[in-house]
Amino acid sequence: MADSWFHFTKAVVRRVSSRFAEGSLKLEEPEEAISLTKAKEQWTNYVAALKGLGLEIIEIEADDKSPDCVFIEDAAVVCDDTALITRPGHASRRGETVAVRKTLEKLGLKIIDMTDPALLDGGDVLFTGQELFVGLTSRTNKEGVESLAKAFPKYPVTAIDMAEEGNVFLPSKTTFPNLNPLTSIDCTLRRLSVSSIVPTIQLAVRKGQFMHFSC
C-alpha cells in the first residue's frame, strides 16, 4: 500500500537557539521582528502535535552558535535505512550537522557524508515515496544533487531550477496531499509532469488568490 511509504514511528527535532531571533538567516527581512518567545512556543506546540500522532520524539539540544539549528531538515536526508549528512549551502550552518549525525548514527542508520564541492540543504528535497525531487537554489548545487542520487540509487532523482522563483525551497511551493504532487509554480509542474512517476496537480495562484486545480 502506498500509505506505508510515509508510515513514521520517530521524529528527530532540535530546540530553538537562543540566538534565533537576531542571528538566523533570512532571504528577506520580515515585516515584524522575530519573537524568540513565540518561536519557542510554536516549537513546543509542533512537538506536541508530533507526539499526538504517536511518534517517538528524539530531541537534540539547541546550539547557540547556530541560530538556524531548529531547521533540522537541512542537515540530513533520510530514506529507508540510510541518512545522507548534507553540506548546507551557507557556511555558517555546516556545524549543525555534527549533532544530527551522531543522533542518526545512534538510531542505527547507515551514514553517508556529503563532501566538498557538493552543497545541499535538506529542505530543498521532496520525497514522494518513489522518487526524489531537488530544488536547485543558492544553497543546493548540481554536485549536491549528484551526491543525493549516489546515496539513494533506488530512487530516481530530478533537479528543478528554482532561480526564477527567488531561490525559495522547493517544498515551500510544492507539497504532496494524498501522495500526489501539488505545486503552484509552472517550472515545477513542467518537470513533475515529465519526470514524476505519480500524477501531478497544479495549484494556480493569481494575485495571492487560490484559483483552481488542474491536472
Foldseek 3Di string as FASTA:
>chain_A
DLVVLPDAAADEFEAAAPCQQPDDDDLDDDPDGDDPVVVRVVVVVVVVVVVVVNHHYHYDYDDNQQRPLRLVLQQWDDGDQAIEGFQWQDNSHRVSNPRVVVVSVVVVGHYHYDDPPFFTGSLQWDDLSAAIEGEDASTGDPSNQVVVCVRCVRHHYHYFYCVVVSRDRPVVAWDADVSEIEGADDSVVVCCVVDPPHHHKYFHADPNDGDDIDD
